[in-house]
């Protein structure tokens, strides 16, 4: 039995015997009655970390979505200003020709 864990592009191979050994040490250190509560606490912690990570991802995505309309509005405004500048330049050119 072979488990493959990928951590920061480093592969760790943990055999079944090593996992059993780790569980045995945990059993000796904490005792059989505390293991379920430890597992429950670890599961709650992992759930909180997962939720926090998802919240951060959502906030980043929302900020990107908010910036996109702002950029579009800015670009549209710049295009309109450029059109007005061109119209004034054309008007100035026609006035110069008349004089």
C-alpha atoms as a PDB file:
ATOM      1  CA  UNK A   1       0.000   0.000   0.000  1.00  0.00           C
ATOM      2  CA  UNK A   2       1.596   3.233  -1.181  1.00  0.00           C
ATOM      3  CA  UNK A   3       0.337   6.796  -0.664  1.00  0.00           C
ATOM      4  CA  UNK A   4       1.580   9.722  -2.661  1.00  0.00           C
ATOM      5  CA  UNK A   5       1.443  13.223  -1.167  1.00  0.00           C
ATOM      6  CA  UNK A   6       2.505  16.285  -3.150  1.00  0.00           C
ATOM      7  CA  UNK A   7       3.799  19.170  -1.043  1.00  0.00           C
ATOM      8  CA  UNK A   8       5.528  22.095  -2.797  1.00  0.00           C
ATOM      9  CA  UNK A   9       6.536  19.937  -5.750  1.00  0.00           C
ATOM     10  CA  UNK A  10       8.255  17.432  -3.442  1.00  0.00           C
ATOM     11  CA  UNK A  11       6.842  13.941  -3.494  1.00  0.00           C
ATOM     12  CA  UNK A  12       6.676  12.048  -0.221  1.00  0.00           C
ATOM     13  CA  UNK A  13       6.086   8.338  -0.363  1.00  0.00           C
ATOM     14  CA  UNK A  14       4.454   6.982   2.789  1.00  0.00           C
ATOM     15  CA  UNK A  15       3.877   3.284   3.030  1.00  0.00           C
ATOM     16  CA  UNK A  16       1.065   1.585   4.895  1.00  0.00           C
ATOM     17  CA  UNK A  17       3.449   0.412   7.605  1.00  0.00           C
ATOM     18  CA  UNK A  18       4.565   3.987   8.261  1.00  0.00           C
ATOM     19  CA  UNK A  19       0.956   5.157   8.562  1.00  0.00           C
ATOM     20  CA  UNK A  20       0.188   2.345  11.015  1.00  0.00           C
ATOM     21  CA  UNK A  21       3.288   3.297  13.017  1.00  0.00           C
ATOM     22  CA  UNK A  22       2.172   6.939  13.199  1.00  0.00           C
ATOM     23  CA  UNK A  23      -1.327   5.908  14.340  1.00  0.00           C
ATOM     24  CA  UNK A  24       0.252   3.646  16.975  1.00  0.00           C
ATOM     25  CA  UNK A  25       2.363   6.516  18.340  1.00  0.00           C
ATOM     26  CA  UNK A  26      -0.709   8.789  18.401  1.00  0.00           C
ATOM     27  CA  UNK A  27      -2.614   6.079  20.262  1.00  0.00           C
ATOM     28  CA  UNK A  28       0.159   5.773  22.844  1.00  0.00           C
ATOM     29  CA  UNK A  29       0.527   9.511  23.345  1.00  0.00           C
ATOM     30  CA  UNK A  30      -3.136  10.562  23.482  1.00  0.00           C
ATOM     31  CA  UNK A  31      -4.963   7.375  24.426  1.00  0.00           C
ATOM     32  CA  UNK A  32      -7.927   5.727  22.727  1.00  0.00           C
ATOM     33  CA  UNK A  33     -10.545   7.914  24.414  1.00  0.00           C
ATOM     34  CA  UNK A  34      -9.095  11.231  23.181  1.00  0.00           C
ATOM     35  CA  UNK A  35      -8.510  10.274  19.519  1.00  0.00           C
ATOM     36  CA  UNK A  36     -12.135  10.882  18.403  1.00  0.00           C
ATOM     37  CA  UNK A  37     -12.170  14.355  19.969  1.00  0.00           C
ATOM     38  CA  UNK A  38      -8.789  15.157  18.385  1.00  0.00           C
ATOM     39  CA  UNK A  39     -10.078  14.004  14.996  1.00  0.00           C
ATOM     40  CA  UNK A  40     -13.226  16.110  15.435  1.00  0.00           C
ATOM     41  CA  UNK A  41     -11.149  19.179  16.356  1.00  0.00           C
ATOM     42  CA  UNK A  42      -8.860  18.645  13.357  1.00  0.00           C
ATOM     43  CA  UNK A  43     -11.875  18.300  11.054  1.00  0.00           C
ATOM     44  CA  UNK A  44     -13.363  21.559  12.383  1.00  0.00           C
ATOM     45  CA  UNK A  45     -10.026  23.308  11.889  1.00  0.00           C
ATOM     46  CA  UNK A  46      -9.699  22.033   8.334  1.00  0.00           C
ATOM     47  CA  UNK A  47     -13.276  23.159   7.598  1.00  0.00           C
ATOM     48  CA  UNK A  48     -12.532  26.643   8.929  1.00  0.00           C
ATOM     49  CA  UNK A  49      -9.367  26.873   6.846  1.00  0.00           C
ATOM     50  CA  UNK A  50     -11.267  25.746   3.738  1.00  0.00           C
ATOM     51  CA  UNK A  51     -14.019  28.319   4.357  1.00  0.00           C
ATOM     52  CA  UNK A  52     -11.482  31.086   4.948  1.00  0.00           C
ATOM     53  CA  UNK A  53      -9.675  30.155   1.738  1.00  0.00           C
ATOM     54  CA  UNK A  54     -12.948  30.191  -0.218  1.00  0.00           C
ATOM     55  CA  UNK A  55     -13.868  33.572   1.302  1.00  0.00           C
ATOM     56  CA  UNK A  56     -10.515  35.009   0.246  1.00  0.00           C
ATOM     57  CA  UNK A  57     -10.937  33.624  -3.272  1.00  0.00           C
ATOM     58  CA  UNK A  58     -14.440  35.103  -3.482  1.00  0.00           C
ATOM     59  CA  UNK A  59     -13.233  38.514  -2.285  1.00  0.00           C
ATOM     60  CA  UNK A  60     -10.457  38.525  -4.874  1.00  0.00           C
ATOM     61  CA  UNK A  61     -12.888  37.506  -7.612  1.00  0.00           C
ATOM     62  CA  UNK A  62     -15.384  40.182  -6.531  1.00  0.00           C
ATOM     63  CA  UNK A  63     -12.693  42.865  -6.548  1.00  0.00           C
ATOM     64  CA  UNK A  64     -11.636  41.832 -10.053  1.00  0.00           C
ATOM     65  CA  UNK A  65     -15.276  41.936 -11.194  1.00  0.00           C
ATOM     66  CA  UNK A  66     -15.690  45.418  -9.699  1.00  0.00           C
ATOM     67  CA  UNK A  67     -12.546  46.735 -11.399  1.00  0.00           C
ATOM     68  CA  UNK A  68     -13.560  45.526 -14.853  1.00  0.00           C
ATOM     69  CA  UNK A  69     -16.598  47.839 -15.235  1.00  0.00           C
ATOM     70  CA  UNK A  70     -14.509  50.733 -13.911  1.00  0.00           C
ATOM     71  CA  UNK A  71     -11.866  50.114 -16.550  1.00  0.00           C
ATOM     72  CA  UNK A  72     -14.513  49.921 -19.272  1.00  0.00           C
ATOM     73  CA  UNK A  73     -16.140  53.169 -18.149  1.00  0.00           C
ATOM     74  CA  UNK A  74     -12.734  54.863 -18.042  1.00  0.00           C
ATOM     75  CA  UNK A  75     -11.913  53.612 -21.531  1.00  0.00           C
ATOM     76  CA  UNK A  76     -15.293  54.783 -22.891  1.00  0.00           C
ATOM     77  CA  UNK A  77     -14.818  58.194 -21.277  1.00  0.00           C
ATOM     78  CA  UNK A  78     -11.325  58.500 -22.773  1.00  0.00           C
ATOM     79  CA  UNK A  79     -12.668  57.639 -26.237  1.00  0.00           C
ATOM     80  CA  UNK A  80     -15.371  60.307 -25.933  1.00  0.00           C
ATOM     81  CA  UNK A  81     -12.822  62.897 -24.798  1.00  0.00           C
ATOM     82  CA  UNK A  82     -10.617  61.995 -27.760  1.00  0.00           C
ATOM     83  CA  UNK A  83     -13.605  62.469 -30.109  1.00  0.00           C
ATOM     84  CA  UNK A  84     -14.314  65.901 -28.603  1.00  0.00           C
ATOM     85  CA  UNK A  85     -10.629  66.873 -28.963  1.00  0.00           C
ATOM     86  CA  UNK A  86     -10.701  65.806 -32.598  1.00  0.00           C
ATOM     87  CA  UNK A  87     -13.862  67.845 -33.196  1.00  0.00           C
ATOM     88  CA  UNK A  88     -12.255  70.927 -31.630  1.00  0.00           C
ATOM     89  CA  UNK A  89      -9.121  70.422 -33.729  1.00  0.00           C
ATOM     90  CA  UNK A  90     -11.265  70.150 -36.866  1.00  0.00           C
ATOM     91  CA  UNK A  91     -13.167  73.288 -35.838  1.00  0.00           C
ATOM     92  CA  UNK A  92      -9.900  75.123 -35.182  1.00  0.00           C
ATOM     93  CA  UNK A  93      -8.548  74.055 -38.585  1.00  0.00           C
ATOM     94  CA  UNK A  94     -11.689  75.292 -40.348  1.00  0.00           C
ATOM     95  CA  UNK A  95     -11.521  78.651 -38.517  1.00  0.00           C
ATOM     96  CA  UNK A  96      -7.847  79.063 -39.519  1.00  0.00           C
ATOM     97  CA  UNK A  97      -8.717  78.371 -43.152  1.00  0.00           C
ATOM     98  CA  UNK A  98     -11.429  81.029 -43.101  1.00  0.00           C
ATOM     99  CA  UNK A  99      -9.026  83.637 -41.754  1.00  0.00           C
END
